[in-house]
Structure formats: C-alpha cells, structure tokens
Amino acid sequence: MNKKLFKNKYFLTGGTVIMILLLLCFFAPVLTKYSYSDINLTNINKGPSLKHLLGTDELGRDVWTRILYGGRVSVTVGIVATAVQMFIGITLGLTAGYKGGIFDFIIMRIIDIIMCFPMFLAAIAISSVIGQSFINLILIISLLSWTEVARVVRAETLSLKTRDFVTASKVSGFSDFKIIMIHILPNIFSTVVVAMTVSMATVILMESSLSFFGLGIKDPMPSWGNLISSAQNLRTFTSYWWTWLPAGIIIILFVLSINFIGKALTMYYSPNKEALKEEVEIVKDFDLQINKGERIAIIGESGSGKSLTSLSMLGLNDKKLKVNGKIIFNNENLLSLNEEELRKKRAKNISIIFQEPMTALNPLVTVGKQVAEVFEIHTDYSKKEIKKKVSELFEELGFENIEELYNKYPNELSGGMRQRVVIAMAIALKPELLIADEITTSIDYSLKVSVLNLIKELSIKYNMAVILITHDLDLLQGFADRVVVMRNGRIMEIAETKTFFSNPKNDYSKEMIEIFQSLTS
C-alpha cells in the first residue's frame, strides 16, 4: 500500500475513528477506576455526572466503564470470528474453484443449504440450543457467515486457474498447493481484503444483535450488544437514555468506520473515476474526410487511438470519455444527437464490424435470428419478408445450405463463417459507412484475403465507404484508396496508398515501411 491509500478521505476518517475507539478500550484500566461488574444498588440509573461520565445502569454499574470493557469483548469477537470465517471461506472457496468436480459440487451445495436460511434467525435458533458463551458466539457467527467469502473466492479462482501463467506453472511441474500459494492467493488478495472489512462489520452487528436479545455475551460480562439490551424496557428507553444510547452510537460509528475503510480499499484496488485527477487528451486534432464509396485504412501501433476514434463516430465510447469537436455525417453533426437519434443511425447509416466474431455473436441465439434482429429493429418487414432478406444476404455472402445455417448457433460455425455472419449483420441495411475494426486479427491469412475482398466487393456494389482499422500492411495495397497513420492519438500522415508505400513523408511511416519490407523480403 502506498501513500495514495493513506490520503484517501474514507480511509483517514474510518481509520481515525477506529483507532480512537480501540485506544480507549485498550487503556480502559487507566481511563476508569471502576470495574465493569461493580454493583451499587444505591446509585441505580443515575444520569451523567463528573463521577460517572455516562451515568449508571439499572444495577448502579458505571456505563462508561462497561462501554470501554465491552468494546474489548465486541472487537475481540469481531476479529476472531472474522479470522475464522475468512479462513473457512478462503479455504473452501479455493478448493471449490481450483479443484472443481465433486469438491465444487459438495461445497456449493453446502453453501446453498446454509444460505437457504436467514442468517440471523439461524443464529438465534442455534444459540438457544447450545447456550450462551464467548466461544459459542464466535462459532455461531463464523459458521454461518463464511459462505459469501467462499463464493467470491471461488469465482475469482475459477477465472484465474485458466490463465496462461497458471497453465505454464502446471507444465513446469508445480504442485497444486504451490500454484495456489504463488499464483492464486496473491491475485485474489485485494478481493479478500475488501471482503474482510465487510465481514468484520457484519460480525460486529451480529454480535450486537444476538447480545441485544440475550443470546450473545452473558451478563455481567459487557459487550456493546448487551449494553443496548436495556432499551427493550420502554421506561429505560425513554427515561434512562444514557444506559443504551452511547453504546448504540459507538456500534454505528464502528461499523460505519469499517465500511469507510472497505470503500477506501475498493477504490484503491479498483480505481475508476477517482483514479483520474485531471483530464488527459487521448486523441487530439483528428481531422479526416471520407467520401462515398471510398476505402480508408487507419494503421498504427496498439493504443494509438484507432478504435477509440471509430467508436466515437457511433457514440459507443465509455461515458467517462468526452468527445469534443464535430463528426459531420450527411451534413449532420453526430455529436449533437441524443442517444435515441444515434440508435436510429446505427446499422442503418453507419455500421461496425468488431474484432472478434465469437464475442460479437450471442452464443444462445441462432445466427439467422441475430441477423434478422437488425431488420426487426429498423424496418417494418413481416417475419416472412425478414427471413427472405436474411436468406438472400447469406446467399450474397457466399454461404451454402442457407436453411440449415439459419438455425445454427455461433459455436457450430468455423471462424471464417462467423466472420461472414458478423459482416452480414453489419451490411444488412446497406449502410453508407462501414467501420471494420481489426477484423483480420484472429483469422488466418487466406481468410484475411477473402474477407477483405468480400468487403471491397460490397463497397463497390453499394457505393459504401469503408474505414478499415488494421495492423496488416500487406493487405492494404489492394484494398485501401488512402492510408491514415496514427500514433499516440495523433495523425502522423494521410496519403494515397501507392504514395504511402513508395514515398512515405513522416519518419514514423518510413520506419513502418522499412520494417514491413524487411519482413516481406
């Protein structure tokens, strides 16, 4: 953890309050001359005074003293119960997520059974059976509250165990235990820490609730929970507020402070809008005009702003990103349109083909239905007419066995076929501008050529402008009319394709061409 966390207002506020409360409880013998069990029946329910800062209770015991010593008990229960439930939750979550199979099945069914019952009601039932004691309270809370931790850890482990670095460790001969200790646990640390703060707050509230109902810490031993139990008596609640209100306020402060720390840790480990303290220009001075039927290729290294720029044309950027300037399409500024107006232009006037066809297609819907949805949203065709349009579109894109294809799911198609289905969705309404975002990245060379040839044919046939975002320089010469070179969010060069390859003007472009020629020679 660095200084950034300690400067967080939530962490500072929560940490300061908890530190003060813990110090007060720790130095209880110094801060009060009374014992928490001292009874004085001649001094019952006396209000706050210099002798008794927070008054006395129904047995004449000093409330300030009982709050200090009660804090020791409540915090100890909180720490121990949280530690036990975290150990159980992490251990079983890791086992279920990493081992899978029968281990996962048994553990998840146990979790399902426990979560079927309201935790507080289950705690009351168990406590009434096994009796009241410090140890029993910790066991009850721990055994009923580990399930959420286990579920979170299991989900994180399921994701991590399929990563390449874990697979590489298995190939290297690492034992499961070593993989978990070296690769899994460190990567779920942030999740566990945040979950721990939530668990701690829950435990404190659970102890207070059970003790309030007389099922937690047994009198005369004080806890913050049994201190507020006197509020059950209406007369005490209304007339002797000092016997229960200070303890209630402290419980609220302590739990809120823990939640503040949890929020600070969440912000620290998962930075979002708090991460950016000032605006940063990602793409600047992007000025480009494309004519009907023209094909332009935007090239550049990863992170140069190619895809970000194309998404801006469709209003698909993250809402935290600001787009300034103008995007003029058919004499209309797209940036001035609202979401509904933009939605009507998507697919119909401007369309996009995304990089990975498998993720662009819904695995639970047939490909025919997915293409048909474009017509359903933007046209008034009947279902029969739509199916005919989709079939004609599939035929135009070179598919065979159209009827069979219509009812297939994405996973039943090859990569090239999925790519053509995505193209079919993009050109279904014959848009005036088609954006192809890295569409050749995940397919082999022969498919790259055929896909680009198909898009070129469609561009010529429908006088459709195309913006191709790509890294593949070798595919541009027969496809693009012009080339746009981007780097660090800036346009380095715009040139005719032939000129770009024969006589690039920009140093970055020259370097690109030299590397390309050395690789192809």
Protein backbone atom coordinates (compact mmCIF):
# COMPACT_ATOMS: atom_id res chain seq x y z
CA MET A 1 0.00 0.00 0.00
CA ASN A 2 1.34 3.43 -0.88
CA LYS A 3 0.66 6.97 0.29
CA LYS A 4 -2.35 7.20 -2.01
CA LEU A 5 -4.41 4.96 0.30
CA PHE A 6 -3.47 6.88 3.42
CA LYS A 7 -4.56 10.13 1.76
CA ASN A 8 -8.00 8.74 0.98
CA LYS A 9 -10.66 10.65 2.95
CA TYR A 10 -12.66 7.49 3.67
CA PHE A 11 -9.60 5.62 4.92
CA LEU A 12 -8.50 8.56 7.08
CA THR A 13 -11.96 9.08 8.58
CA GLY A 14 -12.67 5.40 9.23
CA GLY A 15 -9.17 4.63 10.42
CA THR A 16 -9.09 7.59 12.81
CA VAL A 17 -12.42 6.71 14.45
CA ILE A 18 -11.49 3.03 14.83
CA MET A 19 -8.05 3.89 16.21
CA ILE A 20 -9.57 6.23 18.82
CA LEU A 21 -12.13 3.61 19.90
CA LEU A 22 -9.50 0.86 20.08
CA LEU A 23 -7.15 3.04 22.14
CA LEU A 24 -9.95 3.93 24.55
CA CYS A 25 -10.81 0.25 25.03
CA PHE A 26 -7.16 -0.78 25.38
CA PHE A 27 -6.48 1.81 28.07
CA ALA A 28 -9.73 1.09 29.93
CA PRO A 29 -7.94 0.33 33.26
CA VAL A 30 -6.31 3.77 33.09
CA LEU A 31 -9.39 5.69 31.96
CA THR A 32 -11.74 4.41 34.68
CA LYS A 33 -11.37 3.49 38.35
CA TYR A 34 -14.40 1.19 38.36
CA SER A 35 -14.78 -2.47 37.45
CA TYR A 36 -17.32 -3.37 34.80
CA SER A 37 -19.04 -5.67 37.33
CA ASP A 38 -19.15 -3.29 40.32
CA ILE A 39 -22.77 -3.11 41.56
CA ASN A 40 -24.12 -0.20 43.59
CA LEU A 41 -27.85 -0.57 44.24
CA THR A 42 -27.97 2.83 45.94
CA ASN A 43 -26.87 4.54 42.75
CA ILE A 44 -29.04 2.99 40.03
CA ASN A 45 -29.97 4.75 36.78
CA LYS A 46 -28.17 7.97 37.69
CA GLY A 47 -27.59 10.40 34.85
CA PRO A 48 -24.18 11.53 33.56
CA SER A 49 -22.04 13.40 36.10
CA LEU A 50 -18.40 14.13 36.86
CA LYS A 51 -18.27 10.96 38.96
CA HIS A 52 -19.96 8.81 36.31
CA LEU A 53 -19.33 10.35 32.87
CA LEU A 54 -22.11 8.38 31.18
CA GLY A 55 -24.20 7.67 34.26
CA THR A 56 -25.06 4.30 35.77
CA ASP A 57 -27.31 1.42 34.73
CA GLU A 58 -30.14 -0.44 36.45
CA LEU A 59 -27.63 -2.12 38.83
CA GLY A 60 -25.65 1.03 39.54
CA ARG A 61 -22.73 -0.03 37.33
CA ASP A 62 -20.69 2.70 35.63
CA VAL A 63 -21.81 2.85 31.96
CA TRP A 64 -18.54 4.46 30.74
CA THR A 65 -16.57 1.58 32.26
CA ARG A 66 -18.85 -1.05 30.75
CA ILE A 67 -18.59 0.58 27.30
CA LEU A 68 -14.78 0.52 27.44
CA TYR A 69 -14.57 -3.09 28.60
CA GLY A 70 -17.50 -4.07 26.37
CA GLY A 71 -15.56 -2.73 23.40
CA ARG A 72 -12.75 -5.14 24.22
CA VAL A 73 -15.21 -8.03 24.08
CA SER A 74 -17.06 -6.92 20.94
CA VAL A 75 -13.89 -6.14 18.99
CA THR A 76 -12.30 -9.44 20.07
CA VAL A 77 -15.39 -11.33 18.90
CA GLY A 78 -15.26 -9.35 15.65
CA ILE A 79 -11.59 -10.08 14.98
CA VAL A 80 -11.64 -13.76 15.96
CA ALA A 81 -14.93 -14.56 14.21
CA THR A 82 -13.82 -12.71 11.08
CA ALA A 83 -10.50 -14.57 11.07
CA VAL A 84 -12.26 -17.94 11.45
CA GLN A 85 -14.86 -17.26 8.76
CA MET A 86 -12.21 -15.87 6.38
CA PHE A 87 -10.10 -19.00 6.88
CA ILE A 88 -13.08 -21.28 6.23
CA GLY A 89 -14.34 -19.20 3.30
CA ILE A 90 -10.95 -18.83 1.60
CA THR A 91 -10.02 -22.49 2.08
CA LEU A 92 -13.31 -23.86 0.77
CA GLY A 93 -13.57 -21.22 -1.97
CA LEU A 94 -10.09 -22.08 -3.25
CA THR A 95 -10.85 -25.81 -3.09
CA ALA A 96 -14.14 -25.46 -4.95
CA GLY A 97 -12.75 -23.12 -7.58
CA TYR A 98 -9.40 -24.80 -8.20
CA LYS A 99 -10.21 -28.50 -7.78
CA GLY A 100 -13.72 -28.35 -9.25
CA GLY A 101 -15.63 -31.58 -9.83
CA ILE A 102 -17.05 -33.31 -6.78
CA PHE A 103 -15.32 -30.84 -4.42
CA ASP A 104 -17.04 -27.92 -6.10
CA PHE A 105 -20.39 -29.70 -6.13
CA ILE A 106 -20.33 -30.61 -2.42
CA ILE A 107 -19.06 -27.22 -1.22
CA MET A 108 -21.56 -25.27 -3.34
CA ARG A 109 -24.45 -27.43 -2.14
CA ILE A 110 -23.42 -26.80 1.49
CA ILE A 111 -23.35 -23.08 0.73
CA ASP A 112 -26.78 -23.30 -0.89
CA ILE A 113 -28.22 -25.06 2.16
CA ILE A 114 -26.76 -22.54 4.62
CA MET A 115 -27.94 -19.59 2.53
CA CYS A 116 -31.47 -21.01 2.39
CA PHE A 117 -31.96 -19.89 5.99
CA PRO A 118 -31.86 -16.24 7.12
CA MET A 119 -28.53 -15.95 8.94
CA PHE A 120 -29.87 -14.06 11.95
CA LEU A 121 -32.78 -16.45 12.54
CA ALA A 122 -30.44 -19.44 12.20
CA ALA A 123 -28.05 -17.83 14.71
CA ILE A 124 -30.91 -17.32 17.19
CA ALA A 125 -32.03 -20.94 16.81
CA ILE A 126 -28.53 -22.39 17.27
CA SER A 127 -27.68 -20.08 20.17
CA SER A 128 -30.85 -21.05 22.04
CA VAL A 129 -29.85 -24.72 21.70
CA ILE A 130 -26.13 -24.69 22.52
CA GLY A 131 -26.28 -21.88 25.07
CA GLN A 132 -24.52 -18.59 25.68
CA SER A 133 -20.76 -18.23 25.89
CA PHE A 134 -17.94 -16.28 24.31
CA ILE A 135 -16.72 -19.31 22.34
CA ASN A 136 -20.20 -20.36 21.23
CA LEU A 137 -20.90 -16.86 19.92
CA ILE A 138 -17.74 -16.89 17.80
CA LEU A 139 -18.52 -20.36 16.45
CA ILE A 140 -22.12 -19.48 15.56
CA ILE A 141 -21.18 -16.29 13.73
CA SER A 142 -18.20 -17.88 11.95
CA LEU A 143 -20.04 -20.99 10.77
CA LEU A 144 -22.97 -19.01 9.39
CA SER A 145 -21.12 -16.16 7.67
CA TRP A 146 -18.30 -17.76 5.65
CA THR A 147 -20.47 -18.55 2.61
CA GLU A 148 -20.22 -15.16 0.87
CA VAL A 149 -16.43 -15.17 1.21
CA ALA A 150 -16.27 -18.67 -0.27
CA ARG A 151 -18.46 -17.69 -3.23
CA VAL A 152 -16.33 -14.64 -4.03
CA VAL A 153 -13.04 -16.56 -3.71
CA ARG A 154 -14.40 -19.43 -5.83
CA ALA A 155 -15.43 -17.05 -8.62
CA GLU A 156 -12.00 -15.37 -8.65
CA THR A 157 -10.22 -18.74 -8.59
CA LEU A 158 -12.29 -20.10 -11.48
CA SER A 159 -11.16 -17.14 -13.56
CA LEU A 160 -7.50 -17.32 -12.54
CA LYS A 161 -6.95 -21.06 -12.93
CA THR A 162 -7.48 -20.85 -16.71
CA ARG A 163 -4.87 -18.12 -17.18
CA ASP A 164 -1.75 -18.91 -19.16
CA PHE A 165 0.63 -18.28 -16.24
CA VAL A 166 -1.17 -20.94 -14.17
CA THR A 167 -1.08 -23.39 -17.08
CA ALA A 168 2.64 -22.67 -17.53
CA SER A 169 3.23 -23.46 -13.85
CA LYS A 170 1.45 -26.81 -14.24
CA VAL A 171 3.62 -27.60 -17.25
CA SER A 172 6.69 -26.72 -15.16
CA GLY A 173 5.65 -29.33 -12.60
CA PHE A 174 4.39 -27.06 -9.80
CA SER A 175 2.16 -28.77 -7.25
CA ASP A 176 -1.41 -27.54 -6.80
CA PHE A 177 -0.54 -26.16 -3.37
CA LYS A 178 2.40 -24.19 -4.76
CA ILE A 179 0.31 -22.80 -7.63
CA ILE A 180 -2.38 -21.68 -5.18
CA MET A 181 0.15 -20.04 -2.85
CA ILE A 182 2.21 -18.34 -5.59
CA HIS A 183 -0.32 -17.53 -8.30
CA ILE A 184 -3.88 -17.71 -6.97
CA LEU A 185 -3.76 -16.22 -3.46
CA PRO A 186 -1.70 -13.11 -4.33
CA ASN A 187 -4.08 -12.33 -7.19
CA ILE A 188 -7.21 -12.56 -5.02
CA PHE A 189 -5.62 -10.63 -2.15
CA SER A 190 -7.38 -7.36 -2.94
CA THR A 191 -10.76 -9.10 -3.16
CA VAL A 192 -10.16 -10.90 0.14
CA VAL A 193 -9.11 -7.70 1.93
CA VAL A 194 -12.26 -5.86 0.84
CA ALA A 195 -14.42 -8.88 1.75
CA MET A 196 -12.77 -8.97 5.17
CA THR A 197 -13.91 -5.42 6.01
CA VAL A 198 -17.48 -6.29 5.03
CA SER A 199 -17.30 -9.46 7.15
CA MET A 200 -15.94 -7.57 10.15
CA ALA A 201 -18.82 -5.09 10.04
CA THR A 202 -21.33 -7.93 9.71
CA VAL A 203 -19.83 -9.79 12.67
CA ILE A 204 -19.98 -6.71 14.94
CA LEU A 205 -23.63 -6.17 14.03
CA MET A 206 -24.41 -9.87 14.51
CA GLU A 207 -22.81 -9.92 17.96
CA SER A 208 -24.69 -6.78 18.94
CA SER A 209 -28.00 -8.18 17.70
CA LEU A 210 -27.63 -11.55 19.44
CA SER A 211 -26.49 -9.93 22.68
CA PHE A 212 -29.41 -7.49 22.47
CA PHE A 213 -31.79 -10.46 22.53
CA GLY A 214 -29.88 -12.10 25.36
CA LEU A 215 -28.33 -14.82 23.17
CA GLY A 216 -24.80 -13.48 22.91
CA ILE A 217 -22.40 -12.32 25.61
CA LYS A 218 -23.84 -13.16 29.02
CA ASP A 219 -24.16 -10.57 31.78
CA PRO A 220 -22.19 -9.45 33.83
CA MET A 221 -19.53 -9.54 31.08
CA PRO A 222 -20.25 -6.44 28.99
CA SER A 223 -20.37 -6.09 25.23
CA TRP A 224 -21.69 -3.27 23.09
CA GLY A 225 -24.58 -5.54 22.16
CA ASN A 226 -25.80 -6.39 25.65
CA LEU A 227 -25.36 -2.77 26.74
CA ILE A 228 -28.13 -1.70 24.38
CA SER A 229 -30.38 -4.56 25.53
CA SER A 230 -31.68 -2.32 28.32
CA ALA A 231 -33.52 -0.38 25.60
CA GLN A 232 -36.02 -3.26 25.47
CA ASN A 233 -37.61 -1.75 28.55
CA LEU A 234 -39.84 1.15 27.47
CA ARG A 235 -39.18 3.15 30.63
CA THR A 236 -35.44 2.73 30.27
CA PHE A 237 -35.67 3.58 26.57
CA THR A 238 -37.44 6.88 27.24
CA SER A 239 -36.14 7.94 30.66
CA TYR A 240 -32.63 6.46 31.02
CA TRP A 241 -31.19 7.01 27.51
CA TRP A 242 -27.60 7.08 28.80
CA THR A 243 -27.76 3.37 29.62
CA TRP A 244 -28.10 2.35 25.96
CA LEU A 245 -27.69 5.31 23.55
CA PRO A 246 -23.88 5.80 23.88
CA ALA A 247 -23.29 2.10 23.15
CA GLY A 248 -25.65 2.29 20.15
CA ILE A 249 -23.81 5.33 18.78
CA ILE A 250 -20.45 3.58 19.19
CA ILE A 251 -21.70 0.49 17.33
CA ILE A 252 -22.89 2.68 14.46
CA LEU A 253 -19.61 4.64 14.40
CA PHE A 254 -17.51 1.48 14.47
CA VAL A 255 -19.46 -0.26 11.69
CA LEU A 256 -19.56 2.87 9.52
CA SER A 257 -15.81 3.32 10.00
CA ILE A 258 -15.15 -0.25 8.90
CA ASN A 259 -17.33 0.34 5.84
CA PHE A 260 -15.40 3.54 5.11
CA ILE A 261 -12.16 1.57 5.17
CA GLY A 262 -13.74 -1.05 2.91
CA LYS A 263 -14.79 1.68 0.46
CA ALA A 264 -11.28 3.15 0.52
CA LEU A 265 -9.74 -0.27 -0.18
CA THR A 266 -12.20 -0.85 -3.03
CA MET A 267 -11.21 2.49 -4.57
CA TYR A 268 -7.52 1.69 -4.05
CA TYR A 269 -7.62 -1.76 -5.64
CA SER A 270 -10.22 -0.94 -8.30
CA PRO A 271 -9.52 2.65 -9.36
CA ASN A 272 -12.23 4.18 -11.50
CA LYS A 273 -13.22 7.83 -11.72
CA GLU A 274 -11.12 8.56 -8.63
CA ALA A 275 -8.02 7.43 -10.49
CA LEU A 276 -8.05 10.41 -12.83
CA LYS A 277 -7.48 13.69 -11.06
CA GLU A 278 -7.18 15.65 -14.29
CA GLU A 279 -8.34 15.30 -17.86
CA VAL A 280 -5.99 13.62 -20.32
CA GLU A 281 -6.22 14.03 -24.08
CA ILE A 282 -6.21 10.59 -25.67
CA VAL A 283 -6.88 11.60 -29.27
CA LYS A 284 -6.19 15.15 -30.49
CA ASP A 285 -6.58 17.07 -33.74
CA PHE A 286 -8.13 14.17 -35.63
CA ASP A 287 -9.27 15.65 -38.95
CA LEU A 288 -10.37 13.26 -41.68
CA GLN A 289 -12.83 13.33 -44.54
CA ILE A 290 -14.11 10.21 -46.29
CA ASN A 291 -16.17 10.21 -49.46
CA LYS A 292 -18.92 7.84 -50.55
CA GLY A 293 -17.52 4.57 -51.84
CA GLU A 294 -14.02 5.39 -50.60
CA ARG A 295 -12.00 2.88 -48.60
CA ILE A 296 -9.61 4.23 -45.99
CA ALA A 297 -7.24 2.22 -43.81
CA ILE A 298 -6.23 3.54 -40.38
CA ILE A 299 -3.00 1.94 -39.21
CA GLY A 300 -0.78 2.39 -36.17
CA GLU A 301 0.54 0.68 -33.08
CA SER A 302 -1.74 -0.56 -30.30
CA GLY A 303 -3.01 2.28 -28.13
CA SER A 304 -2.69 4.92 -30.83
CA GLY A 305 -6.41 5.74 -30.69
CA LYS A 306 -7.65 3.99 -33.84
CA SER A 307 -10.54 2.04 -32.32
CA LEU A 308 -11.39 4.83 -29.88
CA THR A 309 -11.86 7.22 -32.78
CA SER A 310 -14.09 4.82 -34.70
CA LEU A 311 -16.28 4.16 -31.65
CA SER A 312 -16.75 7.91 -31.24
CA MET A 313 -18.49 8.04 -34.61
CA LEU A 314 -21.20 5.73 -33.26
CA GLY A 315 -21.37 7.20 -29.76
CA LEU A 316 -20.17 3.92 -28.28
CA ASN A 317 -17.33 5.27 -26.15
CA ASP A 318 -17.26 4.93 -22.38
CA LYS A 319 -19.46 7.64 -20.83
CA LYS A 320 -16.46 8.90 -18.83
CA LEU A 321 -14.76 9.89 -22.10
CA LYS A 322 -15.54 13.31 -23.54
CA VAL A 323 -15.62 13.83 -27.30
CA ASN A 324 -15.20 17.42 -28.44
CA GLY A 325 -15.37 18.79 -31.96
CA LYS A 326 -17.64 17.74 -34.80
CA ILE A 327 -18.41 14.49 -36.60
CA ILE A 328 -20.31 15.55 -39.72
CA PHE A 329 -22.28 12.82 -41.47
CA ASN A 330 -24.58 13.85 -44.33
CA ASN A 331 -24.46 17.49 -43.16
CA GLU A 332 -25.45 16.49 -39.61
CA ASN A 333 -23.24 16.69 -36.51
CA LEU A 334 -23.42 13.29 -34.83
CA LEU A 335 -22.14 14.72 -31.54
CA SER A 336 -25.24 16.89 -31.25
CA LEU A 337 -27.60 13.89 -31.44
CA ASN A 338 -29.14 12.25 -28.39
CA GLU A 339 -28.95 8.50 -27.72
CA GLU A 340 -32.25 7.69 -29.45
CA GLU A 341 -31.28 9.63 -32.59
CA LEU A 342 -27.90 7.90 -32.66
CA ARG A 343 -29.52 4.48 -32.21
CA LYS A 344 -31.58 5.02 -35.35
CA LYS A 345 -28.44 5.75 -37.37
CA ARG A 346 -26.51 2.72 -36.13
CA ALA A 347 -26.65 -0.22 -38.55
CA LYS A 348 -28.89 1.77 -40.90
CA ASN A 349 -26.47 4.59 -41.83
CA ILE A 350 -23.24 3.73 -40.04
CA SER A 351 -22.30 0.20 -39.05
CA ILE A 352 -19.33 -1.54 -37.49
CA ILE A 353 -17.71 -4.97 -37.60
CA PHE A 354 -15.91 -5.80 -34.37
CA GLN A 355 -12.60 -7.59 -34.00
CA GLU A 356 -13.66 -10.95 -32.58
CA PRO A 357 -16.75 -12.50 -34.22
CA MET A 358 -17.25 -15.07 -31.45
CA THR A 359 -17.73 -12.36 -28.83
CA ALA A 360 -19.80 -10.21 -31.20
CA LEU A 361 -22.37 -13.01 -31.55
CA ASN A 362 -24.75 -14.15 -28.81
CA PRO A 363 -23.94 -17.85 -28.17
CA LEU A 364 -27.55 -18.57 -27.12
CA VAL A 365 -29.25 -17.21 -30.26
CA THR A 366 -29.12 -18.73 -33.76
CA VAL A 367 -27.16 -16.74 -36.34
CA GLY A 368 -30.23 -16.34 -38.53
CA LYS A 369 -32.18 -14.80 -35.68
CA GLN A 370 -29.32 -12.43 -34.85
CA VAL A 371 -29.14 -11.08 -38.40
CA ALA A 372 -32.95 -10.90 -38.52
CA GLU A 373 -32.95 -8.67 -35.42
CA VAL A 374 -31.33 -5.88 -37.45
CA PHE A 375 -34.32 -5.85 -39.81
CA GLU A 376 -36.80 -6.18 -36.92
CA ILE A 377 -35.42 -3.08 -35.21
CA HIS A 378 -35.02 -0.79 -38.22
CA THR A 379 -37.70 -1.90 -40.71
CA ASP A 380 -41.41 -2.74 -40.89
CA TYR A 381 -40.93 -6.02 -42.76
CA SER A 382 -43.02 -9.03 -41.80
CA LYS A 383 -41.33 -12.10 -40.32
CA LYS A 384 -41.61 -13.86 -43.66
CA GLU A 385 -40.03 -10.94 -45.51
CA ILE A 386 -37.26 -10.68 -42.93
CA LYS A 387 -36.37 -14.36 -43.24
CA LYS A 388 -36.26 -13.96 -47.02
CA LYS A 389 -33.98 -10.91 -46.69
CA VAL A 390 -31.63 -12.77 -44.33
CA SER A 391 -31.50 -15.79 -46.65
CA GLU A 392 -30.71 -13.53 -49.63
CA LEU A 393 -28.00 -11.83 -47.59
CA PHE A 394 -26.42 -15.15 -46.62
CA GLU A 395 -26.50 -16.23 -50.25
CA GLU A 396 -24.86 -12.97 -51.33
CA LEU A 397 -22.04 -13.58 -48.86
CA GLY A 398 -21.32 -17.00 -50.32
CA PHE A 399 -22.99 -19.28 -47.79
CA GLU A 400 -24.40 -22.66 -48.77
CA ASN A 401 -27.25 -24.64 -47.16
CA ILE A 402 -28.95 -21.40 -46.13
CA GLU A 403 -31.88 -23.03 -44.30
CA GLU A 404 -29.56 -25.14 -42.19
CA LEU A 405 -27.26 -22.19 -41.49
CA TYR A 406 -30.18 -20.01 -40.35
CA ASN A 407 -30.84 -22.29 -37.37
CA LYS A 408 -27.23 -22.86 -36.33
CA TYR A 409 -25.58 -21.38 -33.24
CA PRO A 410 -22.25 -19.46 -33.42
CA ASN A 411 -20.25 -22.29 -31.85
CA GLU A 412 -21.33 -24.59 -34.68
CA LEU A 413 -19.61 -22.41 -37.30
CA SER A 414 -15.97 -22.03 -38.29
CA GLY A 415 -14.10 -18.77 -37.64
CA GLY A 416 -14.46 -17.66 -41.25
CA MET A 417 -18.20 -18.38 -41.29
CA ARG A 418 -18.72 -16.47 -38.04
CA GLN A 419 -16.84 -13.53 -39.52
CA ARG A 420 -19.13 -13.50 -42.55
CA VAL A 421 -22.21 -13.67 -40.30
CA VAL A 422 -20.96 -10.57 -38.46
CA ILE A 423 -20.40 -8.88 -41.82
CA ALA A 424 -23.96 -9.82 -42.79
CA MET A 425 -25.27 -8.12 -39.64
CA ALA A 426 -23.22 -5.01 -40.40
CA ILE A 427 -24.25 -4.59 -44.05
CA ALA A 428 -27.84 -5.87 -43.75
CA LEU A 429 -29.32 -2.38 -44.22
CA LYS A 430 -26.68 -1.26 -46.75
CA PRO A 431 -25.11 1.44 -44.55
CA GLU A 432 -23.34 4.39 -46.16
CA LEU A 433 -20.31 3.95 -43.88
CA LEU A 434 -18.87 0.66 -42.63
CA ILE A 435 -16.21 0.57 -39.91
CA ALA A 436 -14.16 -2.64 -39.83
CA ASP A 437 -12.24 -2.76 -36.53
CA GLU A 438 -9.28 -5.18 -36.64
CA ILE A 439 -11.42 -7.80 -38.38
CA THR A 440 -8.44 -9.76 -39.72
CA THR A 441 -6.59 -10.15 -36.42
CA SER A 442 -7.95 -13.52 -35.30
CA ILE A 443 -8.15 -15.37 -38.65
CA ASP A 444 -5.51 -16.99 -40.88
CA TYR A 445 -4.03 -15.31 -43.95
CA SER A 446 -6.21 -16.95 -46.60
CA LEU A 447 -9.34 -15.94 -44.71
CA LYS A 448 -8.00 -12.41 -44.26
CA VAL A 449 -7.69 -12.01 -48.02
CA SER A 450 -11.15 -13.44 -48.73
CA VAL A 451 -12.82 -11.30 -46.03
CA LEU A 452 -11.22 -8.08 -47.29
CA ASN A 453 -12.05 -8.97 -50.90
CA LEU A 454 -15.66 -9.53 -49.84
CA ILE A 455 -15.85 -6.14 -48.09
CA LYS A 456 -14.24 -4.46 -51.10
CA GLU A 457 -16.82 -6.04 -53.44
CA LEU A 458 -19.65 -4.88 -51.18
CA SER A 459 -18.15 -1.40 -51.00
CA ILE A 460 -18.06 -1.15 -54.79
CA LYS A 461 -21.50 -2.73 -55.24
CA TYR A 462 -23.31 -0.44 -52.78
CA ASN A 463 -21.04 2.63 -53.09
CA MET A 464 -20.32 2.13 -49.38
CA ALA A 465 -17.49 3.98 -47.64
CA VAL A 466 -15.24 1.78 -45.51
CA ILE A 467 -12.87 2.60 -42.66
CA LEU A 468 -10.56 -0.36 -42.05
CA ILE A 469 -8.61 -0.38 -38.79
CA THR A 470 -5.73 -2.82 -39.06
CA HIS A 471 -2.11 -3.77 -38.41
CA ASP A 472 -1.75 -5.79 -41.63
CA LEU A 473 0.14 -3.54 -44.06
CA ASP A 474 0.45 -6.32 -46.63
CA LEU A 475 -3.34 -6.40 -47.11
CA LEU A 476 -3.78 -2.67 -47.72
CA GLN A 477 -2.33 -2.26 -51.18
CA GLY A 478 -5.18 -3.94 -53.00
CA PHE A 479 -7.88 -2.68 -50.66
CA ALA A 480 -7.49 0.91 -49.45
CA ASP A 481 -7.62 4.09 -51.51
CA ARG A 482 -5.92 6.07 -48.76
CA VAL A 483 -3.91 5.30 -45.63
CA VAL A 484 -4.09 7.18 -42.33
CA VAL A 485 -1.15 6.67 -39.94
CA MET A 486 -1.82 7.25 -36.22
CA ARG A 487 0.50 7.36 -33.23
CA ASN A 488 -0.16 8.43 -29.63
CA GLY A 489 -3.60 9.75 -30.54
CA ARG A 490 -2.31 11.93 -33.39
CA ILE A 491 -2.48 11.62 -37.17
CA MET A 492 1.07 11.30 -38.46
CA GLU A 493 0.28 11.10 -42.16
CA ILE A 494 -2.57 10.80 -44.66
CA ALA A 495 -1.57 9.60 -48.11
CA GLU A 496 -2.75 7.75 -51.18
CA THR A 497 -1.99 4.06 -50.70
CA LYS A 498 0.52 3.87 -53.57
CA THR A 499 2.28 7.02 -52.38
CA PHE A 500 2.40 5.77 -48.81
CA PHE A 501 4.22 2.58 -49.79
CA SER A 502 6.53 4.20 -52.35
CA ASN A 503 7.29 7.57 -50.77
CA PRO A 504 6.14 7.98 -47.13
CA LYS A 505 6.64 11.50 -45.77
CA ASN A 506 6.60 11.01 -42.00
CA ASP A 507 9.55 9.43 -40.16
CA TYR A 508 7.23 7.07 -38.30
CA SER A 509 5.66 6.00 -41.61
CA LYS A 510 9.10 5.43 -43.11
CA GLU A 511 10.08 3.28 -40.14
CA MET A 512 6.87 1.26 -40.59
CA ILE A 513 7.54 0.67 -44.28
CA GLU A 514 11.17 -0.32 -43.64
CA ILE A 515 10.11 -2.92 -41.06
CA PHE A 516 7.36 -4.17 -43.36
CA GLN A 517 9.76 -4.52 -46.32
CA SER A 518 12.36 -6.31 -44.19
CA LEU A 519 9.74 -8.81 -43.04
CA THR A 520 8.36 -9.48 -46.52
CA SER A 521 11.67 -9.58 -48.43
